[in-house]
Amino acid sequence: MTKKLLLSGLAGGVVFFLLGWVFYGMLFGEFFANNAGSATGVYKSDEEMNLLLLFLGNLASGYLLAFIFGCWGTVKSALDGTSKGFIIGILIGLGFDFVMYSTSNLMNFTAVIVDIIIYGVMTAVAGAVVGGILSNSKKSKQA
């Protein structure tokens, strides 16, 4: 099970990293720029970003799902991982974004809601990958 946890966490982290690039870098970058709060100069340019730390942060998110699914919960399939991942993502997004909105001027409330939805979708996809890997390891042990 340890190998599957390591593999599924790594795969989940890669999914988070790639989807973050797609959603925040390509699809919604302009939306978030247009819905920023009054704080200025808080976001780094592409050249200023620390990609290693960005990847490690996404890797931590992948391992969080792997730990929850593999150690605390039962995930029966990729589809099960999708639904559980979505719920986890929405709850994390609500917690993080509502606290940030209430304590900072990083984005307006419209952007908060969109960010919560995006994170829910990203976590659903990562949850499908993590759940798929972990559920395949359970099936192979039963065979």
N, C-alpha and C. Protein backbone atom coordinates (compact mmCIF):
# COMPACT_ATOMS: atom_id res chain seq x y z
N MET A 1 0.82 -1.20 0.00
CA MET A 1 0.00 0.00 0.00
C MET A 1 0.87 1.26 0.00
N THR A 2 2.04 1.22 0.61
CA THR A 2 2.90 2.40 0.66
C THR A 2 3.31 2.84 -0.73
N LYS A 3 3.64 1.89 -1.61
CA LYS A 3 4.01 2.24 -2.98
C LYS A 3 2.85 2.92 -3.71
N LYS A 4 1.65 2.40 -3.52
CA LYS A 4 0.48 2.98 -4.16
C LYS A 4 0.17 4.37 -3.61
N LEU A 5 0.38 4.57 -2.32
CA LEU A 5 0.19 5.91 -1.75
C LEU A 5 1.19 6.89 -2.36
N LEU A 6 2.43 6.47 -2.45
CA LEU A 6 3.46 7.33 -3.04
C LEU A 6 3.16 7.63 -4.50
N LEU A 7 2.81 6.62 -5.26
CA LEU A 7 2.51 6.79 -6.68
C LEU A 7 1.26 7.64 -6.89
N SER A 8 0.21 7.37 -6.13
CA SER A 8 -1.03 8.12 -6.31
C SER A 8 -0.86 9.58 -5.87
N GLY A 9 -0.11 9.82 -4.80
CA GLY A 9 0.15 11.19 -4.36
C GLY A 9 0.95 11.96 -5.39
N LEU A 10 1.95 11.32 -5.96
CA LEU A 10 2.76 11.95 -7.02
C LEU A 10 1.89 12.27 -8.23
N ALA A 11 1.09 11.30 -8.65
CA ALA A 11 0.20 11.50 -9.80
C ALA A 11 -0.80 12.62 -9.52
N GLY A 12 -1.36 12.64 -8.33
CA GLY A 12 -2.29 13.71 -7.96
C GLY A 12 -1.62 15.07 -7.97
N GLY A 13 -0.38 15.14 -7.48
CA GLY A 13 0.37 16.40 -7.48
C GLY A 13 0.63 16.90 -8.89
N VAL A 14 0.98 16.00 -9.79
CA VAL A 14 1.21 16.38 -11.19
C VAL A 14 -0.09 16.89 -11.81
N VAL A 15 -1.20 16.23 -11.51
CA VAL A 15 -2.50 16.67 -12.03
C VAL A 15 -2.83 18.07 -11.51
N PHE A 16 -2.64 18.30 -10.22
CA PHE A 16 -2.89 19.64 -9.66
C PHE A 16 -2.02 20.69 -10.35
N PHE A 17 -0.74 20.38 -10.53
CA PHE A 17 0.19 21.32 -11.15
C PHE A 17 -0.25 21.66 -12.57
N LEU A 18 -0.54 20.63 -13.37
CA LEU A 18 -0.92 20.85 -14.76
C LEU A 18 -2.27 21.56 -14.88
N LEU A 19 -3.24 21.16 -14.07
CA LEU A 19 -4.54 21.83 -14.12
C LEU A 19 -4.46 23.27 -13.61
N GLY A 20 -3.59 23.52 -12.64
CA GLY A 20 -3.39 24.90 -12.19
C GLY A 20 -2.86 25.76 -13.32
N TRP A 21 -1.93 25.23 -14.09
CA TRP A 21 -1.40 25.96 -15.24
C TRP A 21 -2.50 26.22 -16.27
N VAL A 22 -3.31 25.19 -16.54
CA VAL A 22 -4.39 25.34 -17.52
C VAL A 22 -5.43 26.34 -17.03
N PHE A 23 -5.95 26.14 -15.81
CA PHE A 23 -7.03 27.00 -15.32
C PHE A 23 -6.56 28.41 -14.98
N TYR A 24 -5.52 28.51 -14.15
CA TYR A 24 -5.10 29.83 -13.67
C TYR A 24 -4.16 30.54 -14.64
N GLY A 25 -3.37 29.78 -15.37
CA GLY A 25 -2.43 30.40 -16.29
C GLY A 25 -3.02 30.70 -17.66
N MET A 26 -3.84 29.79 -18.17
CA MET A 26 -4.33 29.94 -19.54
C MET A 26 -5.79 30.39 -19.62
N LEU A 27 -6.68 29.68 -18.96
CA LEU A 27 -8.11 29.93 -19.15
C LEU A 27 -8.65 31.11 -18.35
N PHE A 28 -8.23 31.26 -17.10
CA PHE A 28 -8.84 32.26 -16.23
C PHE A 28 -7.87 33.34 -15.75
N GLY A 29 -6.68 33.38 -16.30
CA GLY A 29 -5.71 34.39 -15.89
C GLY A 29 -6.24 35.81 -16.05
N GLU A 30 -6.82 36.10 -17.21
CA GLU A 30 -7.36 37.43 -17.47
C GLU A 30 -8.58 37.72 -16.58
N PHE A 31 -9.41 36.69 -16.36
CA PHE A 31 -10.56 36.86 -15.48
C PHE A 31 -10.11 37.29 -14.09
N PHE A 32 -9.12 36.60 -13.52
CA PHE A 32 -8.67 36.94 -12.17
C PHE A 32 -7.99 38.31 -12.15
N ALA A 33 -7.29 38.66 -13.22
CA ALA A 33 -6.69 40.00 -13.30
C ALA A 33 -7.78 41.07 -13.31
N ASN A 34 -8.88 40.80 -14.00
CA ASN A 34 -9.98 41.76 -14.07
C ASN A 34 -10.85 41.77 -12.82
N ASN A 35 -10.71 40.78 -11.97
CA ASN A 35 -11.51 40.69 -10.75
C ASN A 35 -10.64 40.74 -9.50
N ALA A 36 -9.50 41.40 -9.63
CA ALA A 36 -8.61 41.55 -8.48
C ALA A 36 -9.22 42.55 -7.50
N GLY A 37 -8.80 42.44 -6.28
CA GLY A 37 -9.22 43.40 -5.27
C GLY A 37 -8.36 44.65 -5.37
N SER A 38 -8.39 45.46 -4.33
CA SER A 38 -7.65 46.72 -4.36
C SER A 38 -6.16 46.55 -4.07
N ALA A 39 -5.74 45.40 -3.61
CA ALA A 39 -4.31 45.16 -3.38
C ALA A 39 -3.60 45.12 -4.73
N THR A 40 -2.46 45.76 -4.83
CA THR A 40 -1.72 45.77 -6.09
C THR A 40 -0.32 45.21 -5.89
N GLY A 41 0.23 44.67 -6.95
CA GLY A 41 1.59 44.16 -6.92
C GLY A 41 1.78 42.90 -6.11
N VAL A 42 0.72 42.18 -5.83
CA VAL A 42 0.85 40.99 -4.99
C VAL A 42 1.15 39.72 -5.78
N TYR A 43 0.77 39.70 -7.04
CA TYR A 43 1.03 38.50 -7.84
C TYR A 43 2.34 38.64 -8.58
N LYS A 44 3.11 37.58 -8.59
CA LYS A 44 4.40 37.58 -9.27
C LYS A 44 4.22 37.30 -10.75
N SER A 45 5.13 37.83 -11.53
CA SER A 45 5.14 37.53 -12.96
C SER A 45 5.61 36.09 -13.15
N ASP A 46 5.42 35.59 -14.35
CA ASP A 46 5.86 34.22 -14.65
C ASP A 46 7.35 34.05 -14.37
N GLU A 47 8.12 35.06 -14.67
CA GLU A 47 9.57 34.99 -14.46
C GLU A 47 9.95 34.99 -12.98
N GLU A 48 9.13 35.60 -12.16
CA GLU A 48 9.42 35.70 -10.72
C GLU A 48 8.95 34.48 -9.92
N MET A 49 8.07 33.69 -10.50
CA MET A 49 7.53 32.54 -9.76
C MET A 49 8.62 31.51 -9.47
N ASN A 50 8.49 30.87 -8.33
CA ASN A 50 9.39 29.79 -7.96
C ASN A 50 8.67 28.48 -8.31
N LEU A 51 9.01 27.92 -9.48
CA LEU A 51 8.29 26.73 -9.95
C LEU A 51 8.51 25.52 -9.06
N LEU A 52 9.67 25.42 -8.44
CA LEU A 52 9.92 24.29 -7.53
C LEU A 52 8.95 24.34 -6.36
N LEU A 53 8.83 25.49 -5.73
CA LEU A 53 7.89 25.60 -4.60
C LEU A 53 6.45 25.46 -5.05
N LEU A 54 6.14 25.97 -6.24
CA LEU A 54 4.80 25.80 -6.79
C LEU A 54 4.48 24.32 -6.98
N PHE A 55 5.43 23.58 -7.54
CA PHE A 55 5.22 22.15 -7.74
C PHE A 55 5.12 21.43 -6.39
N LEU A 56 5.97 21.78 -5.44
CA LEU A 56 5.91 21.12 -4.12
C LEU A 56 4.58 21.39 -3.42
N GLY A 57 4.04 22.58 -3.58
CA GLY A 57 2.72 22.88 -3.02
C GLY A 57 1.64 22.02 -3.64
N ASN A 58 1.70 21.84 -4.96
CA ASN A 58 0.74 20.98 -5.64
C ASN A 58 0.94 19.52 -5.27
N LEU A 59 2.18 19.14 -5.08
CA LEU A 59 2.49 17.77 -4.66
C LEU A 59 1.90 17.50 -3.28
N ALA A 60 1.96 18.47 -2.40
CA ALA A 60 1.36 18.32 -1.08
C ALA A 60 -0.15 18.10 -1.19
N SER A 61 -0.79 18.81 -2.13
CA SER A 61 -2.23 18.61 -2.34
C SER A 61 -2.52 17.20 -2.84
N GLY A 62 -1.68 16.70 -3.74
CA GLY A 62 -1.84 15.33 -4.23
C GLY A 62 -1.68 14.31 -3.11
N TYR A 63 -0.70 14.53 -2.26
CA TYR A 63 -0.49 13.60 -1.15
C TYR A 63 -1.58 13.72 -0.09
N LEU A 64 -2.16 14.89 0.05
CA LEU A 64 -3.29 15.03 0.97
C LEU A 64 -4.43 14.11 0.54
N LEU A 65 -4.76 14.15 -0.75
CA LEU A 65 -5.82 13.27 -1.26
C LEU A 65 -5.44 11.80 -1.09
N ALA A 66 -4.20 11.46 -1.43
CA ALA A 66 -3.76 10.07 -1.30
C ALA A 66 -3.86 9.60 0.15
N PHE A 67 -3.49 10.46 1.07
CA PHE A 67 -3.54 10.10 2.49
C PHE A 67 -4.99 9.93 2.95
N ILE A 68 -5.83 10.88 2.58
CA ILE A 68 -7.25 10.79 2.98
C ILE A 68 -7.88 9.53 2.38
N PHE A 69 -7.69 9.33 1.08
CA PHE A 69 -8.31 8.19 0.41
C PHE A 69 -7.70 6.86 0.83
N GLY A 70 -6.40 6.82 1.00
CA GLY A 70 -5.72 5.56 1.25
C GLY A 70 -5.64 5.15 2.70
N CYS A 71 -5.64 6.12 3.61
CA CYS A 71 -5.46 5.80 5.03
C CYS A 71 -6.73 5.98 5.85
N TRP A 72 -7.52 6.98 5.52
CA TRP A 72 -8.69 7.28 6.34
C TRP A 72 -10.00 6.86 5.71
N GLY A 73 -10.02 6.78 4.42
CA GLY A 73 -11.28 6.52 3.75
C GLY A 73 -11.18 5.35 2.81
N THR A 74 -12.27 5.04 2.23
CA THR A 74 -12.32 3.98 1.24
C THR A 74 -12.76 4.60 -0.07
N VAL A 75 -11.93 4.43 -1.08
CA VAL A 75 -12.26 4.89 -2.41
C VAL A 75 -12.36 3.65 -3.29
N LYS A 76 -13.54 3.43 -3.85
CA LYS A 76 -13.80 2.20 -4.58
C LYS A 76 -13.41 2.26 -6.04
N SER A 77 -13.28 3.49 -6.59
CA SER A 77 -13.02 3.62 -8.03
C SER A 77 -12.57 5.05 -8.33
N ALA A 78 -12.20 5.26 -9.59
CA ALA A 78 -11.87 6.62 -10.02
C ALA A 78 -13.09 7.52 -9.90
N LEU A 79 -14.27 7.02 -10.23
CA LEU A 79 -15.49 7.81 -10.12
C LEU A 79 -15.76 8.20 -8.66
N ASP A 80 -15.54 7.28 -7.76
CA ASP A 80 -15.70 7.56 -6.33
C ASP A 80 -14.68 8.63 -5.90
N GLY A 81 -13.46 8.53 -6.42
CA GLY A 81 -12.45 9.54 -6.13
C GLY A 81 -12.82 10.90 -6.68
N THR A 82 -13.51 10.92 -7.82
CA THR A 82 -13.96 12.17 -8.41
C THR A 82 -14.95 12.88 -7.49
N SER A 83 -15.96 12.16 -7.06
CA SER A 83 -16.99 12.80 -6.22
C SER A 83 -16.43 13.20 -4.86
N LYS A 84 -15.63 12.34 -4.26
CA LYS A 84 -15.05 12.68 -2.96
C LYS A 84 -14.03 13.81 -3.11
N GLY A 85 -13.27 13.78 -4.19
CA GLY A 85 -12.32 14.85 -4.45
C GLY A 85 -13.01 16.19 -4.63
N PHE A 86 -14.14 16.20 -5.34
CA PHE A 86 -14.88 17.43 -5.55
C PHE A 86 -15.35 18.02 -4.22
N ILE A 87 -15.89 17.18 -3.37
CA ILE A 87 -16.37 17.65 -2.06
C ILE A 87 -15.20 18.21 -1.24
N ILE A 88 -14.09 17.48 -1.22
CA ILE A 88 -12.90 17.95 -0.48
C ILE A 88 -12.42 19.28 -1.06
N GLY A 89 -12.36 19.38 -2.39
CA GLY A 89 -11.90 20.60 -3.03
C GLY A 89 -12.79 21.79 -2.74
N ILE A 90 -14.10 21.59 -2.79
CA ILE A 90 -15.03 22.68 -2.48
C ILE A 90 -14.85 23.13 -1.03
N LEU A 91 -14.72 22.18 -0.12
CA LEU A 91 -14.55 22.55 1.30
C LEU A 91 -13.23 23.28 1.55
N ILE A 92 -12.15 22.81 0.93
CA ILE A 92 -10.86 23.50 1.08
C ILE A 92 -10.95 24.89 0.45
N GLY A 93 -11.55 24.97 -0.75
CA GLY A 93 -11.70 26.25 -1.42
C GLY A 93 -12.53 27.23 -0.60
N LEU A 94 -13.64 26.76 -0.06
CA LEU A 94 -14.47 27.62 0.79
C LEU A 94 -13.67 28.14 1.98
N GLY A 95 -12.99 27.22 2.65
CA GLY A 95 -12.21 27.61 3.83
C GLY A 95 -11.13 28.63 3.49
N PHE A 96 -10.34 28.33 2.48
CA PHE A 96 -9.23 29.22 2.14
C PHE A 96 -9.73 30.54 1.57
N ASP A 97 -10.61 30.49 0.58
CA ASP A 97 -11.03 31.71 -0.11
C ASP A 97 -11.86 32.63 0.78
N PHE A 98 -12.74 32.08 1.59
CA PHE A 98 -13.53 32.94 2.47
C PHE A 98 -12.65 33.63 3.50
N VAL A 99 -11.67 32.91 4.04
CA VAL A 99 -10.74 33.54 4.99
C VAL A 99 -9.93 34.63 4.29
N MET A 100 -9.40 34.32 3.10
CA MET A 100 -8.61 35.31 2.37
C MET A 100 -9.46 36.53 2.00
N TYR A 101 -10.69 36.29 1.56
CA TYR A 101 -11.56 37.41 1.19
C TYR A 101 -11.87 38.29 2.39
N SER A 102 -12.08 37.66 3.54
CA SER A 102 -12.45 38.44 4.73
C SER A 102 -11.26 39.16 5.35
N THR A 103 -10.03 38.76 5.00
CA THR A 103 -8.85 39.36 5.63
C THR A 103 -7.92 40.09 4.66
N SER A 104 -8.23 40.08 3.37
CA SER A 104 -7.32 40.72 2.41
C SER A 104 -8.10 41.35 1.26
N ASN A 105 -7.39 42.01 0.39
CA ASN A 105 -7.97 42.64 -0.78
C ASN A 105 -7.40 42.03 -2.06
N LEU A 106 -7.23 40.72 -2.08
CA LEU A 106 -6.62 40.07 -3.23
C LEU A 106 -7.57 39.93 -4.41
N MET A 107 -8.86 39.67 -4.14
CA MET A 107 -9.81 39.50 -5.23
C MET A 107 -11.21 39.88 -4.77
N ASN A 108 -12.08 40.16 -5.75
CA ASN A 108 -13.46 40.47 -5.40
C ASN A 108 -14.24 39.17 -5.16
N PHE A 109 -15.49 39.32 -4.72
CA PHE A 109 -16.25 38.13 -4.34
C PHE A 109 -16.58 37.24 -5.53
N THR A 110 -16.76 37.82 -6.70
CA THR A 110 -16.99 37.02 -7.90
C THR A 110 -15.82 36.08 -8.15
N ALA A 111 -14.60 36.60 -8.02
CA ALA A 111 -13.41 35.77 -8.21
C ALA A 111 -13.30 34.70 -7.13
N VAL A 112 -13.74 35.02 -5.93
CA VAL A 112 -13.73 34.03 -4.85
C VAL A 112 -14.60 32.83 -5.23
N ILE A 113 -15.80 33.08 -5.70
CA ILE A 113 -16.72 32.00 -6.07
C ILE A 113 -16.15 31.18 -7.23
N VAL A 114 -15.61 31.85 -8.23
CA VAL A 114 -15.02 31.14 -9.37
C VAL A 114 -13.83 30.31 -8.92
N ASP A 115 -13.01 30.86 -8.04
CA ASP A 115 -11.85 30.12 -7.54
C ASP A 115 -12.26 28.86 -6.79
N ILE A 116 -13.31 28.94 -6.00
CA ILE A 116 -13.80 27.78 -5.26
C ILE A 116 -14.25 26.70 -6.24
N ILE A 117 -14.97 27.09 -7.27
CA ILE A 117 -15.44 26.12 -8.27
C ILE A 117 -14.27 25.49 -9.02
N ILE A 118 -13.30 26.32 -9.43
CA ILE A 118 -12.13 25.80 -10.13
C ILE A 118 -11.39 24.80 -9.25
N TYR A 119 -11.20 25.15 -7.99
CA TYR A 119 -10.47 24.23 -7.11
C TYR A 119 -11.25 22.95 -6.88
N GLY A 120 -12.56 23.04 -6.83
CA GLY A 120 -13.38 21.83 -6.71
C GLY A 120 -13.20 20.93 -7.93
N VAL A 121 -13.20 21.52 -9.12
CA VAL A 121 -13.01 20.74 -10.35
C VAL A 121 -11.61 20.14 -10.40
N MET A 122 -10.60 20.93 -10.07
CA MET A 122 -9.23 20.41 -10.06
C MET A 122 -9.08 19.24 -9.09
N THR A 123 -9.68 19.38 -7.91
CA THR A 123 -9.57 18.33 -6.91
C THR A 123 -10.38 17.10 -7.31
N ALA A 124 -11.46 17.29 -8.04
CA ALA A 124 -12.23 16.15 -8.56
C ALA A 124 -11.39 15.35 -9.55
N VAL A 125 -10.71 16.05 -10.46
CA VAL A 125 -9.88 15.35 -11.45
C VAL A 125 -8.70 14.66 -10.77
N ALA A 126 -8.04 15.36 -9.86
CA ALA A 126 -6.94 14.74 -9.11
C ALA A 126 -7.47 13.57 -8.28
N GLY A 127 -8.65 13.72 -7.71
CA GLY A 127 -9.27 12.65 -6.93
C GLY A 127 -9.56 11.43 -7.78
N ALA A 128 -9.94 11.64 -9.04
CA ALA A 128 -10.17 10.52 -9.95
C ALA A 128 -8.87 9.75 -10.20
N VAL A 129 -7.78 10.47 -10.39
CA VAL A 129 -6.49 9.83 -10.64
C VAL A 129 -6.02 9.08 -9.39
N VAL A 130 -6.06 9.77 -8.26
CA VAL A 130 -5.63 9.14 -7.00
C VAL A 130 -6.53 7.95 -6.68
N GLY A 131 -7.83 8.13 -6.78
CA GLY A 131 -8.77 7.05 -6.50
C GLY A 131 -8.61 5.88 -7.45
N GLY A 132 -8.36 6.18 -8.72
CA GLY A 132 -8.14 5.11 -9.69
C GLY A 132 -6.91 4.28 -9.37
N ILE A 133 -5.83 4.94 -9.01
CA ILE A 133 -4.60 4.21 -8.67
C ILE A 133 -4.80 3.39 -7.41
N LEU A 134 -5.39 4.00 -6.39
CA LEU A 134 -5.57 3.27 -5.13
C LEU A 134 -6.58 2.13 -5.27
N SER A 135 -7.65 2.32 -6.03
CA SER A 135 -8.64 1.25 -6.17
C SER A 135 -8.09 0.10 -7.02
N ASN A 136 -7.22 0.40 -7.97
CA ASN A 136 -6.59 -0.67 -8.75
C ASN A 136 -5.67 -1.51 -7.88
N SER A 137 -5.03 -0.89 -6.91
CA SER A 137 -4.15 -1.68 -6.04
C SER A 137 -4.98 -2.60 -5.15
N LYS A 138 -6.16 -2.19 -4.75
CA LYS A 138 -7.02 -3.05 -3.92
C LYS A 138 -7.54 -4.21 -4.74
N LYS A 139 -7.88 -3.96 -6.02
CA LYS A 139 -8.39 -5.04 -6.89
C LYS A 139 -7.30 -6.06 -7.16
N SER A 140 -6.07 -5.58 -7.39
CA SER A 140 -5.00 -6.52 -7.72
C SER A 140 -4.64 -7.40 -6.52
N LYS A 141 -4.82 -6.89 -5.30
CA LYS A 141 -4.56 -7.70 -4.11
C LYS A 141 -5.64 -8.77 -3.92
N GLN A 142 -6.87 -8.45 -4.33
CA GLN A 142 -7.97 -9.40 -4.15
C GLN A 142 -7.89 -10.53 -5.17
N ALA A 143 -7.31 -10.28 -6.32
CA ALA A 143 -7.25 -11.28 -7.39
C ALA A 143 -6.31 -12.42 -7.10
